[in-house]
C-alpha atoms as a PDB file:
ATOM      1  CA  MET A   1     -65.153  -1.879  43.606  1.00  0.00           C
ATOM      2  CA  PRO A   2     -65.301  -1.267  47.379  1.00  0.00           C
ATOM      3  CA  ALA A   3     -68.416   0.389  48.801  1.00  0.00           C
ATOM      4  CA  GLY A   4     -66.520   3.642  49.497  1.00  0.00           C
ATOM      5  CA  ASP A   5     -65.623   3.898  45.827  1.00  0.00           C
ATOM      6  CA  LEU A   6     -69.293   3.511  44.886  1.00  0.00           C
ATOM      7  CA  ASP A   7     -70.025   6.481  47.146  1.00  0.00           C
ATOM      8  CA  LYS A   8     -67.800   8.563  44.851  1.00  0.00           C
ATOM      9  CA  VAL A   9     -69.808   7.327  41.868  1.00  0.00           C
ATOM     10  CA  TRP A  10     -73.141   8.221  43.502  1.00  0.00           C
ATOM     11  CA  LYS A  11     -71.808  11.689  44.366  1.00  0.00           C
ATOM     12  CA  ALA A  12     -70.529  12.211  40.825  1.00  0.00           C
ATOM     13  CA  LEU A  13     -73.881  11.130  39.380  1.00  0.00           C
ATOM     14  CA  SER A  14     -75.815  13.427  41.709  1.00  0.00           C
ATOM     15  CA  ASP A  15     -74.930  16.524  39.689  1.00  0.00           C
ATOM     16  CA  PRO A  16     -76.972  17.244  36.521  1.00  0.00           C
ATOM     17  CA  THR A  17     -74.016  18.837  34.711  1.00  0.00           C
ATOM     18  CA  ARG A  18     -71.862  15.770  35.320  1.00  0.00           C
ATOM     19  CA  ARG A  19     -74.673  13.526  34.081  1.00  0.00           C
ATOM     20  CA  ALA A  20     -74.906  15.705  30.962  1.00  0.00           C
ATOM     21  CA  ILE A  21     -71.158  15.306  30.413  1.00  0.00           C
ATOM     22  CA  LEU A  22     -71.561  11.525  30.689  1.00  0.00           C
ATOM     23  CA  ASP A  23     -74.437  11.663  28.188  1.00  0.00           C
ATOM     24  CA  LEU A  24     -72.178  13.548  25.806  1.00  0.00           C
ATOM     25  CA  LEU A  25     -69.366  11.026  26.254  1.00  0.00           C
ATOM     26  CA  ARG A  26     -71.812   8.189  25.703  1.00  0.00           C
ATOM     27  CA  GLN A  27     -71.860   9.308  22.064  1.00  0.00           C
ATOM     28  CA  GLY A  28     -68.104   8.799  21.878  1.00  0.00           C
ATOM     29  CA  PRO A  29     -64.774  10.129  23.177  1.00  0.00           C
ATOM     30  CA  ARG A  30     -64.364  13.910  23.178  1.00  0.00           C
ATOM     31  CA  PRO A  31     -61.427  16.242  23.702  1.00  0.00           C
ATOM     32  CA  THR A  32     -61.786  18.467  26.748  1.00  0.00           C
ATOM     33  CA  THR A  33     -62.187  21.482  24.449  1.00  0.00           C
ATOM     34  CA  ALA A  34     -65.273  19.929  22.829  1.00  0.00           C
ATOM     35  CA  ILE A  35     -66.807  19.251  26.235  1.00  0.00           C
ATOM     36  CA  VAL A  36     -66.142  22.854  27.309  1.00  0.00           C
ATOM     37  CA  GLU A  37     -67.796  24.120  24.102  1.00  0.00           C
ATOM     38  CA  ALA A  38     -70.878  21.970  24.806  1.00  0.00           C
ATOM     39  CA  PHE A  39     -71.432  23.853  28.095  1.00  0.00           C
ATOM     40  CA  PRO A  40     -71.212  27.555  27.183  1.00  0.00           C
ATOM     41  CA  ARG A  41     -72.799  28.666  30.461  1.00  0.00           C
ATOM     42  CA  LEU A  42     -69.813  27.242  32.384  1.00  0.00           C
ATOM     43  CA  THR A  43     -66.212  28.381  32.443  1.00  0.00           C
ATOM     44  CA  ARG A  44     -63.479  26.088  31.161  1.00  0.00           C
ATOM     45  CA  PHE A  45     -62.300  25.751  34.759  1.00  0.00           C
ATOM     46  CA  GLY A  46     -65.799  24.721  35.898  1.00  0.00           C
ATOM     47  CA  VAL A  47     -66.115  22.033  33.227  1.00  0.00           C
ATOM     48  CA  MET A  48     -62.639  20.721  34.037  1.00  0.00           C
ATOM     49  CA  LYS A  49     -63.557  20.440  37.729  1.00  0.00           C
ATOM     50  CA  HIS A  50     -66.611  18.380  36.769  1.00  0.00           C
ATOM     51  CA  ILE A  51     -64.435  16.145  34.590  1.00  0.00           C
ATOM     52  CA  ASP A  52     -62.012  15.747  37.522  1.00  0.00           C
ATOM     53  CA  VAL A  53     -64.851  14.559  39.777  1.00  0.00           C
ATOM     54  CA  LEU A  54     -65.990  12.095  37.100  1.00  0.00           C
ATOM     55  CA  ARG A  55     -62.416  10.881  36.631  1.00  0.00           C
ATOM     56  CA  ALA A  56     -61.927  10.434  40.409  1.00  0.00           C
ATOM     57  CA  ALA A  57     -65.110   8.336  40.484  1.00  0.00           C
ATOM     58  CA  GLY A  58     -63.782   6.189  37.644  1.00  0.00           C
ATOM     59  CA  LEU A  59     -66.557   7.280  35.268  1.00  0.00           C
ATOM     60  CA  VAL A  60     -64.250   9.024  32.798  1.00  0.00           C
ATOM     61  CA  ASN A  61     -60.946   7.880  31.362  1.00  0.00           C
ATOM     62  CA  THR A  62     -58.601  10.494  29.925  1.00  0.00           C
ATOM     63  CA  ARG A  63     -55.707   9.943  27.543  1.00  0.00           C
ATOM     64  CA  GLU A  64     -53.359  12.425  25.958  1.00  0.00           C
ATOM     65  CA  GLU A  65     -53.196  12.724  22.192  1.00  0.00           C
ATOM     66  CA  GLY A  66     -50.561  15.280  21.312  1.00  0.00           C
ATOM     67  CA  ARG A  67     -51.589  18.499  23.014  1.00  0.00           C
ATOM     68  CA  GLN A  68     -55.182  17.361  23.613  1.00  0.00           C
ATOM     69  CA  ARG A  69     -56.720  15.342  26.410  1.00  0.00           C
ATOM     70  CA  VAL A  70     -59.384  12.973  25.098  1.00  0.00           C
ATOM     71  CA  ASN A  71     -62.082  11.877  27.544  1.00  0.00           C
ATOM     72  CA  SER A  72     -64.164   8.738  27.244  1.00  0.00           C
ATOM     73  CA  LEU A  73     -66.949   7.165  29.256  1.00  0.00           C
ATOM     74  CA  ASN A  74     -66.163   4.245  31.537  1.00  0.00           C
ATOM     75  CA  ALA A  75     -69.530   2.612  32.239  1.00  0.00           C
ATOM     76  CA  VAL A  76     -68.129  -0.087  34.550  1.00  0.00           C
ATOM     77  CA  PRO A  77     -68.935   1.823  37.790  1.00  0.00           C
ATOM     78  CA  ILE A  78     -72.511   2.362  36.580  1.00  0.00           C
ATOM     79  CA  GLN A  79     -72.788  -1.382  35.886  1.00  0.00           C
ATOM     80  CA  GLN A  80     -71.499  -2.062  39.399  1.00  0.00           C
ATOM     81  CA  ILE A  81     -74.173   0.220  40.872  1.00  0.00           C
ATOM     82  CA  TYR A  82     -76.764  -1.592  38.791  1.00  0.00           C
ATOM     83  CA  GLU A  83     -75.562  -4.986  40.009  1.00  0.00           C
ATOM     84  CA  ARG A  84     -75.333  -3.847  43.639  1.00  0.00           C
ATOM     85  CA  TRP A  85     -78.551  -1.846  43.911  1.00  0.00           C
ATOM     86  CA  VAL A  86     -80.937  -2.217  40.977  1.00  0.00           C
ATOM     87  CA  SER A  87     -80.689  -5.893  40.096  1.00  0.00           C
ATOM     88  CA  ARG A  88     -81.199  -6.980  43.713  1.00  0.00           C
ATOM     89  CA  TYR A  89     -84.601  -5.295  43.747  1.00  0.00           C
ATOM     90  CA  GLU A  90     -85.813  -6.275  40.270  1.00  0.00           C
ATOM     91  CA  GLU A  91     -87.440  -9.475  41.491  1.00  0.00           C
ATOM     92  CA  PHE A  92     -89.069  -7.617  44.393  1.00  0.00           C
ATOM     93  CA  TRP A  93     -90.650  -5.020  42.098  1.00  0.00           C
ATOM     94  CA  ALA A  94     -91.568  -7.517  39.410  1.00  0.00           C
ATOM     95  CA  ASP A  95     -93.432  -9.536  42.042  1.00  0.00           C
ATOM     96  CA  LYS A  96     -95.238  -6.409  43.321  1.00  0.00           C
ATOM     97  CA  LEU A  97     -96.258  -5.405  39.787  1.00  0.00           C
ATOM     98  CA  LEU A  98     -97.546  -8.888  39.018  1.00  0.00           C
ATOM     99  CA  ARG A  99     -99.639  -8.822  42.189  1.00  0.00           C
ATOM    100  CA  LEU A 100    -101.084  -5.455  41.184  1.00  0.00           C
ATOM    101  CA  GLN A 101    -101.963  -6.854  37.794  1.00  0.00           C
ATOM    102  CA  GLU A 102    -103.721  -9.791  39.474  1.00  0.00           C
ATOM    103  CA  ASP A 103    -105.532  -7.510  41.949  1.00  0.00           C
ATOM    104  CA  PHE A 104    -106.672  -5.054  39.275  1.00  0.00           C
ATOM    105  CA  PRO A 105    -107.432  -6.849  36.019  1.00  0.00           C
ATOM    106  CA  GLU A 106    -107.867  -4.646  32.953  1.00  0.00           C
ATOM    107  CA  ASP A 107    -111.529  -5.534  32.450  1.00  0.00           C
ATOM    108  CA  PRO A 108    -113.139  -6.513  35.764  1.00  0.00           C
ATOM    109  CA  PRO A 109    -116.232  -8.722  35.458  1.00  0.00           C
ATOM    110  CA  GLY A 110    -119.459  -6.767  34.952  1.00  0.00           C
ATOM    111  CA  SER A 111    -117.752  -3.599  33.769  1.00  0.00           C
ATOM    112  CA  ARG A 112    -117.727  -2.129  30.313  1.00  0.00           C
ATOM    113  CA  ALA A 113    -114.303  -2.164  28.763  1.00  0.00           C
ATOM    114  CA  ARG A 114    -113.139   1.354  28.078  1.00  0.00           C
ATOM    115  CA  LYS A 115    -111.174   2.008  24.967  1.00  0.00           C
ATOM    116  CA  ARG A 116    -108.096   4.173  25.068  1.00  0.00           C
ATOM    117  CA  PRO A 117    -108.276   7.342  22.945  1.00  0.00           C
ATOM    118  CA  ASP A 118    -105.775   5.903  20.480  1.00  0.00           C
ATOM    119  CA  GLU A 119    -107.838   2.710  19.936  1.00  0.00           C
ATOM    120  CA  LYS A 120    -110.543   2.458  17.293  1.00  0.00           C
END
């Protein structure tokens, strides 16, 4: 996916309602009516606009079944973001965390080990 297309994905993911729609679709495909019913504080038109943004970003696939439109999650763009942005920095952060662990051992010499409240 070209970088410009990933911009559409980032923009789609920036809205909490759209992320909530994706969370709902993560549980399985849903007709548009079911998505509208899951967001009673929004109008049908508002929910459909959110679905349109998600569809334009490639995050939602829609198929027609009779008179209904069934929407399903397409996680491929999220995987592409992960590969492009998150995975490239995993090694960097893992290295930083390991250094912190080396710099600040759990029980430094000469100190009394403190138990966590859940330990006996």
